[in-house]
Amino acid sequence: MLGITYIAALLFSIFGMTMLDYKYKLAFFHDAIRSAIVIGITVTLFIIWDIFGIGLGIFFKGDSPYLTHIMLGPEFPLEELFFLFFLSYLTLVLYRLIERKPWKRI
């Protein structure tokens, strides 16, 4: 049961970001196509970054009981894909929130 803890936390966090996005129309609920392109490019760049890091011996999976141990490649666990998506989505939502400057509204 511990093996799904990390991915469950990531999915819960992605769900929370989606609810914020829905409420404030920040990313996918503002412009789905543009958001998908931005996040797709960002996740792809992060995957390339990870591949280079793994190849250089900088990144490694480790041995955690919280991982599913489903590997997409050498030293590249399934959870990494969800983390990279979450990181990209969070950054886009924060950027759009700051761009709106809601604290300046009176």
PDB file of N, CA and C in Angstrom:
ATOM      1  N   MET A   1       0.818  -1.200   0.000  1.00  0.00           N
ATOM      2  CA  MET A   1       0.000   0.000   0.000  1.00  0.00           C
ATOM      3  C   MET A   1       0.855   1.254   0.000  1.00  0.00           C
ATOM      4  N   LEU A   2       2.008   1.196   0.648  1.00  0.00           N
ATOM      5  CA  LEU A   2       2.891   2.354   0.658  1.00  0.00           C
ATOM      6  C   LEU A   2       3.378   2.704  -0.739  1.00  0.00           C
ATOM      7  N   GLY A   3       3.406   1.734  -1.631  1.00  0.00           N
ATOM      8  CA  GLY A   3       3.934   1.925  -2.966  1.00  0.00           C
ATOM      9  C   GLY A   3       3.184   2.932  -3.817  1.00  0.00           C
ATOM     10  N   ILE A   4       1.983   3.279  -3.413  1.00  0.00           N
ATOM     11  CA  ILE A   4       1.225   4.262  -4.191  1.00  0.00           C
ATOM     12  C   ILE A   4       1.139   5.614  -3.485  1.00  0.00           C
ATOM     13  N   THR A   5       1.810   5.775  -2.376  1.00  0.00           N
ATOM     14  CA  THR A   5       1.705   6.995  -1.586  1.00  0.00           C
ATOM     15  C   THR A   5       2.137   8.229  -2.371  1.00  0.00           C
ATOM     16  N   TYR A   6       3.297   8.172  -3.010  1.00  0.00           N
ATOM     17  CA  TYR A   6       3.832   9.334  -3.711  1.00  0.00           C
ATOM     18  C   TYR A   6       2.981   9.701  -4.917  1.00  0.00           C
ATOM     19  N   ILE A   7       2.600   8.707  -5.707  1.00  0.00           N
ATOM     20  CA  ILE A   7       1.788   9.001  -6.886  1.00  0.00           C
ATOM     21  C   ILE A   7       0.394   9.482  -6.477  1.00  0.00           C
ATOM     22  N   ALA A   8      -0.122   8.959  -5.371  1.00  0.00           N
ATOM     23  CA  ALA A   8      -1.418   9.428  -4.866  1.00  0.00           C
ATOM     24  C   ALA A   8      -1.323  10.886  -4.434  1.00  0.00           C
ATOM     25  N   ALA A   9      -0.238  11.256  -3.779  1.00  0.00           N
ATOM     26  CA  ALA A   9      -0.036  12.647  -3.370  1.00  0.00           C
ATOM     27  C   ALA A   9       0.092  13.557  -4.587  1.00  0.00           C
ATOM     28  N   LEU A  10       0.788  13.090  -5.607  1.00  0.00           N
ATOM     29  CA  LEU A  10       0.909  13.884  -6.837  1.00  0.00           C
ATOM     30  C   LEU A  10      -0.446  14.057  -7.516  1.00  0.00           C
ATOM     31  N   LEU A  11      -1.213  12.989  -7.604  1.00  0.00           N
ATOM     32  CA  LEU A  11      -2.546  13.076  -8.217  1.00  0.00           C
ATOM     33  C   LEU A  11      -3.467  13.992  -7.415  1.00  0.00           C
ATOM     34  N   PHE A  12      -3.380  13.924  -6.105  1.00  0.00           N
ATOM     35  CA  PHE A  12      -4.173  14.808  -5.247  1.00  0.00           C
ATOM     36  C   PHE A  12      -3.776  16.266  -5.486  1.00  0.00           C
ATOM     37  N   SER A  13      -2.490  16.521  -5.616  1.00  0.00           N
ATOM     38  CA  SER A  13      -2.000  17.877  -5.864  1.00  0.00           C
ATOM     39  C   SER A  13      -2.422  18.381  -7.240  1.00  0.00           C
ATOM     40  N   ILE A  14      -2.357  17.513  -8.237  1.00  0.00           N
ATOM     41  CA  ILE A  14      -2.807  17.884  -9.582  1.00  0.00           C
ATOM     42  C   ILE A  14      -4.300  18.190  -9.557  1.00  0.00           C
ATOM     43  N   PHE A  15      -5.057  17.402  -8.816  1.00  0.00           N
ATOM     44  CA  PHE A  15      -6.494  17.663  -8.681  1.00  0.00           C
ATOM     45  C   PHE A  15      -6.732  19.033  -8.040  1.00  0.00           C
ATOM     46  N   GLY A  16      -5.985  19.350  -6.998  1.00  0.00           N
ATOM     47  CA  GLY A  16      -6.114  20.650  -6.344  1.00  0.00           C
ATOM     48  C   GLY A  16      -5.785  21.795  -7.293  1.00  0.00           C
ATOM     49  N   MET A  17      -4.728  21.628  -8.092  1.00  0.00           N
ATOM     50  CA  MET A  17      -4.368  22.661  -9.070  1.00  0.00           C
ATOM     51  C   MET A  17      -5.475  22.813 -10.104  1.00  0.00           C
ATOM     52  N   THR A  18      -6.069  21.699 -10.502  1.00  0.00           N
ATOM     53  CA  THR A  18      -7.154  21.747 -11.480  1.00  0.00           C
ATOM     54  C   THR A  18      -8.356  22.498 -10.917  1.00  0.00           C
ATOM     55  N   MET A  19      -8.650  22.300  -9.648  1.00  0.00           N
ATOM     56  CA  MET A  19      -9.767  23.019  -9.027  1.00  0.00           C
ATOM     57  C   MET A  19      -9.490  24.529  -8.963  1.00  0.00           C
ATOM     58  N   LEU A  20      -8.257  24.903  -8.636  1.00  0.00           N
ATOM     59  CA  LEU A  20      -7.894  26.327  -8.644  1.00  0.00           C
ATOM     60  C   LEU A  20      -7.967  26.901 -10.053  1.00  0.00           C
ATOM     61  N   ASP A  21      -7.496  26.133 -11.007  1.00  0.00           N
ATOM     62  CA  ASP A  21      -7.551  26.542 -12.408  1.00  0.00           C
ATOM     63  C   ASP A  21      -9.010  26.728 -12.839  1.00  0.00           C
ATOM     64  N   TYR A  22      -9.865  25.805 -12.461  1.00  0.00           N
ATOM     65  CA  TYR A  22     -11.280  25.890 -12.821  1.00  0.00           C
ATOM     66  C   TYR A  22     -11.939  27.117 -12.195  1.00  0.00           C
ATOM     67  N   LYS A  23     -11.669  27.336 -10.930  1.00  0.00           N
ATOM     68  CA  LYS A  23     -12.307  28.450 -10.226  1.00  0.00           C
ATOM     69  C   LYS A  23     -11.883  29.815 -10.777  1.00  0.00           C
ATOM     70  N   TYR A  24     -10.582  29.962 -11.040  1.00  0.00           N
ATOM     71  CA  TYR A  24     -10.070  31.270 -11.448  1.00  0.00           C
ATOM     72  C   TYR A  24      -9.751  31.355 -12.939  1.00  0.00           C
ATOM     73  N   LYS A  25      -9.999  30.297 -13.697  1.00  0.00           N
ATOM     74  CA  LYS A  25      -9.773  30.266 -15.151  1.00  0.00           C
ATOM     75  C   LYS A  25      -8.360  30.744 -15.490  1.00  0.00           C
ATOM     76  N   LEU A  26      -7.359  30.033 -14.953  1.00  0.00           N
ATOM     77  CA  LEU A  26      -5.981  30.479 -15.083  1.00  0.00           C
ATOM     78  C   LEU A  26      -5.209  29.812 -16.225  1.00  0.00           C
ATOM     79  N   ALA A  27      -5.426  28.548 -16.477  1.00  0.00           N
ATOM     80  CA  ALA A  27      -4.613  27.851 -17.480  1.00  0.00           C
ATOM     81  C   ALA A  27      -5.529  27.104 -18.453  1.00  0.00           C
ATOM     82  N   PHE A  28      -5.765  25.820 -18.196  1.00  0.00           N
ATOM     83  CA  PHE A  28      -6.580  25.019 -19.107  1.00  0.00           C
ATOM     84  C   PHE A  28      -7.998  25.558 -19.253  1.00  0.00           C
ATOM     85  N   PHE A  29      -8.548  26.119 -18.209  1.00  0.00           N
ATOM     86  CA  PHE A  29      -9.914  26.625 -18.285  1.00  0.00           C
ATOM     87  C   PHE A  29      -9.963  28.047 -18.835  1.00  0.00           C
ATOM     88  N   HIS A  30      -8.803  28.617 -19.124  1.00  0.00           N
ATOM     89  CA  HIS A  30      -8.718  29.918 -19.804  1.00  0.00           C
ATOM     90  C   HIS A  30      -8.455  29.698 -21.289  1.00  0.00           C
ATOM     91  N   ASP A  31      -7.443  28.908 -21.604  1.00  0.00           N
ATOM     92  CA  ASP A  31      -7.079  28.596 -22.995  1.00  0.00           C
ATOM     93  C   ASP A  31      -6.438  27.212 -23.011  1.00  0.00           C
ATOM     94  N   ALA A  32      -7.256  26.201 -23.251  1.00  0.00           N
ATOM     95  CA  ALA A  32      -6.820  24.806 -23.142  1.00  0.00           C
ATOM     96  C   ALA A  32      -5.717  24.458 -24.132  1.00  0.00           C
ATOM     97  N   ILE A  33      -5.834  24.912 -25.368  1.00  0.00           N
ATOM     98  CA  ILE A  33      -4.845  24.552 -26.383  1.00  0.00           C
ATOM     99  C   ILE A  33      -3.490  25.161 -26.052  1.00  0.00           C
ATOM    100  N   ARG A  34      -3.474  26.441 -25.720  1.00  0.00           N
ATOM    101  CA  ARG A  34      -2.209  27.102 -25.387  1.00  0.00           C
ATOM    102  C   ARG A  34      -1.581  26.470 -24.145  1.00  0.00           C
ATOM    103  N   SER A  35      -2.392  26.163 -23.149  1.00  0.00           N
ATOM    104  CA  SER A  35      -1.878  25.538 -21.929  1.00  0.00           C
ATOM    105  C   SER A  35      -1.293  24.166 -22.213  1.00  0.00           C
ATOM    106  N   ALA A  36      -1.980  23.380 -23.038  1.00  0.00           N
ATOM    107  CA  ALA A  36      -1.484  22.041 -23.383  1.00  0.00           C
ATOM    108  C   ALA A  36      -0.153  22.126 -24.128  1.00  0.00           C
ATOM    109  N   ILE A  37      -0.030  23.094 -25.025  1.00  0.00           N
ATOM    110  CA  ILE A  37       1.222  23.271 -25.763  1.00  0.00           C
ATOM    111  C   ILE A  37       2.346  23.657 -24.822  1.00  0.00           C
ATOM    112  N   VAL A  38       2.092  24.643 -23.957  1.00  0.00           N
ATOM    113  CA  VAL A  38       3.125  25.112 -23.023  1.00  0.00           C
ATOM    114  C   VAL A  38       3.564  23.995 -22.086  1.00  0.00           C
ATOM    115  N   ILE A  39       2.601  23.292 -21.497  1.00  0.00           N
ATOM    116  CA  ILE A  39       2.940  22.221 -20.563  1.00  0.00           C
ATOM    117  C   ILE A  39       3.600  21.056 -21.300  1.00  0.00           C
ATOM    118  N   GLY A  40       3.129  20.749 -22.495  1.00  0.00           N
ATOM    119  CA  GLY A  40       3.746  19.680 -23.278  1.00  0.00           C
ATOM    120  C   GLY A  40       5.204  19.971 -23.604  1.00  0.00           C
ATOM    121  N   ILE A  41       5.495  21.194 -24.026  1.00  0.00           N
ATOM    122  CA  ILE A  41       6.875  21.576 -24.322  1.00  0.00           C
ATOM    123  C   ILE A  41       7.720  21.538 -23.056  1.00  0.00           C
ATOM    124  N   THR A  42       7.179  22.067 -21.972  1.00  0.00           N
ATOM    125  CA  THR A  42       7.922  22.111 -20.718  1.00  0.00           C
ATOM    126  C   THR A  42       8.230  20.709 -20.197  1.00  0.00           C
ATOM    127  N   VAL A  43       7.249  19.836 -20.198  1.00  0.00           N
ATOM    128  CA  VAL A  43       7.461  18.460 -19.724  1.00  0.00           C
ATOM    129  C   VAL A  43       8.485  17.752 -20.618  1.00  0.00           C
ATOM    130  N   THR A  44       8.400  17.975 -21.929  1.00  0.00           N
ATOM    131  CA  THR A  44       9.363  17.377 -22.846  1.00  0.00           C
ATOM    132  C   THR A  44      10.787  17.843 -22.537  1.00  0.00           C
ATOM    133  N   LEU A  45      10.952  19.141 -22.296  1.00  0.00           N
ATOM    134  CA  LEU A  45      12.280  19.660 -21.953  1.00  0.00           C
ATOM    135  C   LEU A  45      12.786  19.081 -20.637  1.00  0.00           C
ATOM    136  N   PHE A  46      11.898  18.946 -19.655  1.00  0.00           N
ATOM    137  CA  PHE A  46      12.289  18.345 -18.384  1.00  0.00           C
ATOM    138  C   PHE A  46      12.666  16.869 -18.546  1.00  0.00           C
ATOM    139  N   ILE A  47      11.961  16.157 -19.418  1.00  0.00           N
ATOM    140  CA  ILE A  47      12.301  14.750 -19.668  1.00  0.00           C
ATOM    141  C   ILE A  47      13.689  14.657 -20.299  1.00  0.00           C
ATOM    142  N   ILE A  48      13.962  15.533 -21.263  1.00  0.00           N
ATOM    143  CA  ILE A  48      15.298  15.562 -21.875  1.00  0.00           C
ATOM    144  C   ILE A  48      16.351  15.872 -20.813  1.00  0.00           C
ATOM    145  N   TRP A  49      16.054  16.837 -19.950  1.00  0.00           N
ATOM    146  CA  TRP A  49      16.952  17.190 -18.836  1.00  0.00           C
ATOM    147  C   TRP A  49      17.218  15.961 -17.958  1.00  0.00           C
ATOM    148  N   ASP A  50      16.152  15.239 -17.627  1.00  0.00           N
ATOM    149  CA  ASP A  50      16.283  14.026 -16.808  1.00  0.00           C
ATOM    150  C   ASP A  50      17.123  12.966 -17.506  1.00  0.00           C
ATOM    151  N   ILE A  51      16.904  12.782 -18.808  1.00  0.00           N
ATOM    152  CA  ILE A  51      17.665  11.777 -19.554  1.00  0.00           C
ATOM    153  C   ILE A  51      19.156  12.099 -19.510  1.00  0.00           C
ATOM    154  N   PHE A  52      19.491  13.368 -19.701  1.00  0.00           N
ATOM    155  CA  PHE A  52      20.899  13.756 -19.611  1.00  0.00           C
ATOM    156  C   PHE A  52      21.439  13.553 -18.196  1.00  0.00           C
ATOM    157  N   GLY A  53      20.648  13.928 -17.192  1.00  0.00           N
ATOM    158  CA  GLY A  53      21.071  13.736 -15.800  1.00  0.00           C
ATOM    159  C   GLY A  53      21.263  12.278 -15.451  1.00  0.00           C
ATOM    160  N   ILE A  54      20.376  11.430 -15.946  1.00  0.00           N
ATOM    161  CA  ILE A  54      20.498   9.986 -15.708  1.00  0.00           C
ATOM    162  C   ILE A  54      21.738   9.459 -16.424  1.00  0.00           C
ATOM    163  N   GLY A  55      21.930   9.893 -17.663  1.00  0.00           N
ATOM    164  CA  GLY A  55      23.091   9.448 -18.437  1.00  0.00           C
ATOM    165  C   GLY A  55      24.415   9.847 -17.803  1.00  0.00           C
ATOM    166  N   LEU A  56      24.439  11.014 -17.146  1.00  0.00           N
ATOM    167  CA  LEU A  56      25.657  11.483 -16.488  1.00  0.00           C
ATOM    168  C   LEU A  56      25.812  10.924 -15.073  1.00  0.00           C
ATOM    169  N   GLY A  57      24.822  10.171 -14.622  1.00  0.00           N
ATOM    170  CA  GLY A  57      24.893   9.578 -13.287  1.00  0.00           C
ATOM    171  C   GLY A  57      24.531  10.544 -12.174  1.00  0.00           C
ATOM    172  N   ILE A  58      23.898  11.654 -12.514  1.00  0.00           N
ATOM    173  CA  ILE A  58      23.511  12.658 -11.513  1.00  0.00           C
ATOM    174  C   ILE A  58      22.164  12.294 -10.884  1.00  0.00           C
ATOM    175  N   PHE A  59      21.225  11.852 -11.711  1.00  0.00           N
ATOM    176  CA  PHE A  59      19.886  11.490 -11.229  1.00  0.00           C
ATOM    177  C   PHE A  59      19.783   9.973 -11.122  1.00  0.00           C
ATOM    178  N   PHE A  60      19.127   9.529 -10.070  1.00  0.00           N
ATOM    179  CA  PHE A  60      18.862   8.104  -9.919  1.00  0.00           C
ATOM    180  C   PHE A  60      17.577   7.941  -9.119  1.00  0.00           C
ATOM    181  N   LYS A  61      16.975   6.784  -9.255  1.00  0.00           N
ATOM    182  CA  LYS A  61      15.666   6.526  -8.649  1.00  0.00           C
ATOM    183  C   LYS A  61      15.729   6.455  -7.136  1.00  0.00           C
ATOM    184  N   GLY A  62      16.712   5.842  -6.605  1.00  0.00           N
ATOM    185  CA  GLY A  62      16.731   5.615  -5.170  1.00  0.00           C
ATOM    186  C   GLY A  62      15.866   4.426  -4.823  1.00  0.00           C
ATOM    187  N   ASP A  63      15.740   4.152  -3.544  1.00  0.00           N
ATOM    188  CA  ASP A  63      14.945   3.000  -3.121  1.00  0.00           C
ATOM    189  C   ASP A  63      13.993   3.457  -2.035  1.00  0.00           C
ATOM    190  N   SER A  64      12.838   3.907  -2.446  1.00  0.00           N
ATOM    191  CA  SER A  64      11.842   4.406  -1.506  1.00  0.00           C
ATOM    192  C   SER A  64      10.640   3.469  -1.469  1.00  0.00           C
ATOM    193  N   PRO A  65      10.098   3.209  -0.303  1.00  0.00           N
ATOM    194  CA  PRO A  65       8.902   2.363  -0.226  1.00  0.00           C
ATOM    195  C   PRO A  65       7.647   3.076  -0.729  1.00  0.00           C
ATOM    196  N   TYR A  66       7.749   4.382  -0.999  1.00  0.00           N
ATOM    197  CA  TYR A  66       6.596   5.169  -1.424  1.00  0.00           C
ATOM    198  C   TYR A  66       6.406   5.184  -2.927  1.00  0.00           C
ATOM    199  N   LEU A  67       7.339   4.621  -3.686  1.00  0.00           N
ATOM    200  CA  LEU A  67       7.260   4.572  -5.137  1.00  0.00           C
ATOM    201  C   LEU A  67       6.571   3.296  -5.594  1.00  0.00           C
ATOM    202  N   THR A  68       5.953   3.355  -6.766  1.00  0.00           N
ATOM    203  CA  THR A  68       5.312   2.165  -7.333  1.00  0.00           C
ATOM    204  C   THR A  68       6.352   1.214  -7.919  1.00  0.00           C
ATOM    205  N   HIS A  69       7.533   1.707  -8.205  1.00  0.00           N
ATOM    206  CA  HIS A  69       8.626   0.958  -8.824  1.00  0.00           C
ATOM    207  C   HIS A  69       8.296   0.534 -10.247  1.00  0.00           C
ATOM    208  N   ILE A  70       7.361   1.254 -10.875  1.00  0.00           N
ATOM    209  CA  ILE A  70       7.100   1.086 -12.303  1.00  0.00           C
ATOM    210  C   ILE A  70       8.067   2.020 -13.017  1.00  0.00           C
ATOM    211  N   MET A  71       8.935   1.439 -13.839  1.00  0.00           N
ATOM    212  CA  MET A  71       9.982   2.216 -14.490  1.00  0.00           C
ATOM    213  C   MET A  71       9.636   2.457 -15.959  1.00  0.00           C
ATOM    214  N   LEU A  72       9.782   3.704 -16.388  1.00  0.00           N
ATOM    215  CA  LEU A  72       9.578   4.052 -17.793  1.00  0.00           C
ATOM    216  C   LEU A  72      10.887   3.977 -18.570  1.00  0.00           C
ATOM    217  N   GLY A  73      11.961   3.920 -17.847  1.00  0.00           N
ATOM    218  CA  GLY A  73      13.297   3.813 -18.413  1.00  0.00           C
ATOM    219  C   GLY A  73      14.253   3.565 -17.265  1.00  0.00           C
ATOM    220  N   PRO A  74      15.532   3.401 -17.575  1.00  0.00           N
ATOM    221  CA  PRO A  74      16.494   3.208 -16.490  1.00  0.00           C
ATOM    222  C   PRO A  74      16.520   4.435 -15.579  1.00  0.00           C
ATOM    223  N   GLU A  75      16.293   4.240 -14.315  1.00  0.00           N
ATOM    224  CA  GLU A  75      16.304   5.324 -13.313  1.00  0.00           C
ATOM    225  C   GLU A  75      15.226   6.372 -13.555  1.00  0.00           C
ATOM    226  N   PHE A  76      14.169   6.031 -14.296  1.00  0.00           N
ATOM    227  CA  PHE A  76      13.090   6.984 -14.606  1.00  0.00           C
ATOM    228  C   PHE A  76      11.750   6.378 -14.192  1.00  0.00           C
ATOM    229  N   PRO A  77      11.333   6.624 -12.931  1.00  0.00           N
ATOM    230  CA  PRO A  77      10.080   6.030 -12.445  1.00  0.00           C
ATOM    231  C   PRO A  77       8.843   6.731 -13.004  1.00  0.00           C
ATOM    232  N   LEU A  78       7.752   6.048 -13.002  1.00  0.00           N
ATOM    233  CA  LEU A  78       6.469   6.588 -13.471  1.00  0.00           C
ATOM    234  C   LEU A  78       6.121   7.896 -12.764  1.00  0.00           C
ATOM    235  N   GLU A  79       6.402   7.967 -11.479  1.00  0.00           N
ATOM    236  CA  GLU A  79       6.058   9.149 -10.689  1.00  0.00           C
ATOM    237  C   GLU A  79       6.735  10.405 -11.212  1.00  0.00           C
ATOM    238  N   GLU A  80       7.883  10.244 -11.844  1.00  0.00           N
ATOM    239  CA  GLU A  80       8.611  11.408 -12.376  1.00  0.00           C
ATOM    240  C   GLU A  80       7.787  12.130 -13.426  1.00  0.00           C
ATOM    241  N   LEU A  81       7.081  11.387 -14.253  1.00  0.00           N
ATOM    242  CA  LEU A  81       6.231  11.985 -15.280  1.00  0.00           C
ATOM    243  C   LEU A  81       5.131  12.837 -14.641  1.00  0.00           C
ATOM    244  N   PHE A  82       4.493  12.316 -13.611  1.00  0.00           N
ATOM    245  CA  PHE A  82       3.447  13.059 -12.921  1.00  0.00           C
ATOM    246  C   PHE A  82       4.018  14.283 -12.205  1.00  0.00           C
ATOM    247  N   PHE A  83       5.213  14.138 -11.624  1.00  0.00           N
ATOM    248  CA  PHE A  83       5.853  15.261 -10.960  1.00  0.00           C
ATOM    249  C   PHE A  83       6.191  16.365 -11.959  1.00  0.00           C
ATOM    250  N   LEU A  84       6.715  15.993 -13.114  1.00  0.00           N
ATOM    251  CA  LEU A  84       7.062  16.987 -14.126  1.00  0.00           C
ATOM    252  C   LEU A  84       5.814  17.703 -14.633  1.00  0.00           C
ATOM    253  N   PHE A  85       4.724  16.964 -14.806  1.00  0.00           N
ATOM    254  CA  PHE A  85       3.462  17.600 -15.199  1.00  0.00           C
ATOM    255  C   PHE A  85       2.997  18.566 -14.115  1.00  0.00           C
ATOM    256  N   PHE A  86       3.017  18.110 -12.857  1.00  0.00           N
ATOM    257  CA  PHE A  86       2.586  18.967 -11.753  1.00  0.00           C
ATOM    258  C   PHE A  86       3.445  20.230 -11.663  1.00  0.00           C
ATOM    259  N   LEU A  87       4.741  20.075 -11.766  1.00  0.00           N
ATOM    260  CA  LEU A  87       5.653  21.213 -11.695  1.00  0.00           C
ATOM    261  C   LEU A  87       5.352  22.225 -12.803  1.00  0.00           C
ATOM    262  N   SER A  88       5.138  21.743 -14.004  1.00  0.00           N
ATOM    263  CA  SER A  88       4.828  22.619 -15.138  1.00  0.00           C
ATOM    264  C   SER A  88       3.468  23.296 -14.964  1.00  0.00           C
ATOM    265  N   TYR A  89       2.486  22.535 -14.520  1.00  0.00           N
ATOM    266  CA  TYR A  89       1.131  23.065 -14.317  1.00  0.00           C
ATOM    267  C   TYR A  89       1.134  24.114 -13.216  1.00  0.00           C
ATOM    268  N   LEU A  90       1.795  23.824 -12.120  1.00  0.00           N
ATOM    269  CA  LEU A  90       1.896  24.772 -11.013  1.00  0.00           C
ATOM    270  C   LEU A  90       2.544  26.071 -11.475  1.00  0.00           C
ATOM    271  N   THR A  91       3.626  25.967 -12.223  1.00  0.00           N
ATOM    272  CA  THR A  91       4.320  27.155 -12.708  1.00  0.00           C
ATOM    273  C   THR A  91       3.421  27.981 -13.621  1.00  0.00           C
ATOM    274  N   LEU A  92       2.694  27.323 -14.515  1.00  0.00           N
ATOM    275  CA  LEU A  92       1.793  28.044 -15.414  1.00  0.00           C
ATOM    276  C   LEU A  92       0.674  28.727 -14.638  1.00  0.00           C
ATOM    277  N   VAL A  93       0.096  28.033 -13.679  1.00  0.00           N
ATOM    278  CA  VAL A  93      -0.986  28.622 -12.874  1.00  0.00           C
ATOM    279  C   VAL A  93      -0.469  29.808 -12.070  1.00  0.00           C
ATOM    280  N   LEU A  94       0.696  29.674 -11.460  1.00  0.00           N
ATOM    281  CA  LEU A  94       1.269  30.791 -10.699  1.00  0.00           C
ATOM    282  C   LEU A  94       1.595  31.970 -11.605  1.00  0.00           C
ATOM    283  N   TYR A  95       2.148  31.700 -12.776  1.00  0.00           N
ATOM    284  CA  TYR A  95       2.450  32.774 -13.726  1.00  0.00           C
ATOM    285  C   TYR A  95       1.192  33.530 -14.108  1.00  0.00           C
ATOM    286  N   ARG A  96       0.131  32.783 -14.445  1.00  0.00           N
ATOM    287  CA  ARG A  96      -1.131  33.426 -14.842  1.00  0.00           C
ATOM    288  C   ARG A  96      -1.751  34.203 -13.680  1.00  0.00           C
ATOM    289  N   LEU A  97      -1.619  33.678 -12.474  1.00  0.00           N
ATOM    290  CA  LEU A  97      -2.146  34.375 -11.306  1.00  0.00           C
ATOM    291  C   LEU A  97      -1.398  35.686 -11.079  1.00  0.00           C
ATOM    292  N   ILE A  98      -0.080  35.648 -11.159  1.00  0.00           N
ATOM    293  CA  ILE A  98       0.719  36.856 -10.977  1.00  0.00           C
ATOM    294  C   ILE A  98       0.468  37.840 -12.115  1.00  0.00           C
ATOM    295  N   GLU A  99       0.284  37.334 -13.312  1.00  0.00           N
ATOM    296  CA  GLU A  99       0.008  38.177 -14.469  1.00  0.00           C
ATOM    297  C   GLU A  99      -1.295  38.960 -14.289  1.00  0.00           C
ATOM    298  N   ARG A 100      -2.264  38.348 -13.644  1.00  0.00           N
ATOM    299  CA  ARG A 100      -3.550  39.013 -13.401  1.00  0.00           C
ATOM    300  C   ARG A 100      -3.466  40.099 -12.335  1.00  0.00           C
ATOM    301  N   LYS A 101      -2.513  39.981 -11.435  1.00  0.00           N
ATOM    302  CA  LYS A 101      -2.323  40.920 -10.326  1.00  0.00           C
ATOM    303  C   LYS A 101      -3.623  41.133  -9.541  1.00  0.00           C
ATOM    304  N   PRO A 102      -4.172  40.067  -8.976  1.00  0.00           N
ATOM    305  CA  PRO A 102      -5.451  40.199  -8.265  1.00  0.00           C
ATOM    306  C   PRO A 102      -5.360  41.089  -7.035  1.00  0.00           C
ATOM    307  N   TRP A 103      -4.185  41.264  -6.467  1.00  0.00           N
ATOM    308  CA  TRP A 103      -4.025  42.080  -5.281  1.00  0.00           C
ATOM    309  C   TRP A 103      -4.111  43.576  -5.598  1.00  0.00           C
ATOM    310  N   LYS A 104      -4.041  43.952  -6.881  1.00  0.00           N
ATOM    311  CA  LYS A 104      -4.112  45.364  -7.280  1.00  0.00           C
ATOM    312  C   LYS A 104      -5.558  45.818  -7.478  1.00  0.00           C
ATOM    313  N   ARG A 105      -6.508  44.889  -7.517  1.00  0.00           N
ATOM    314  CA  ARG A 105      -7.905  45.243  -7.723  1.00  0.00           C
ATOM    315  C   ARG A 105      -8.496  45.901  -6.490  1.00  0.00           C
ATOM    316  N   ILE A 106      -9.208  46.954  -6.726  1.00  0.00           N
ATOM    317  CA  ILE A 106      -9.856  47.661  -5.601  1.00  0.00           C
ATOM    318  C   ILE A 106     -11.315  47.856  -5.917  1.00  0.00           C
TER     319      ILE A 106
END
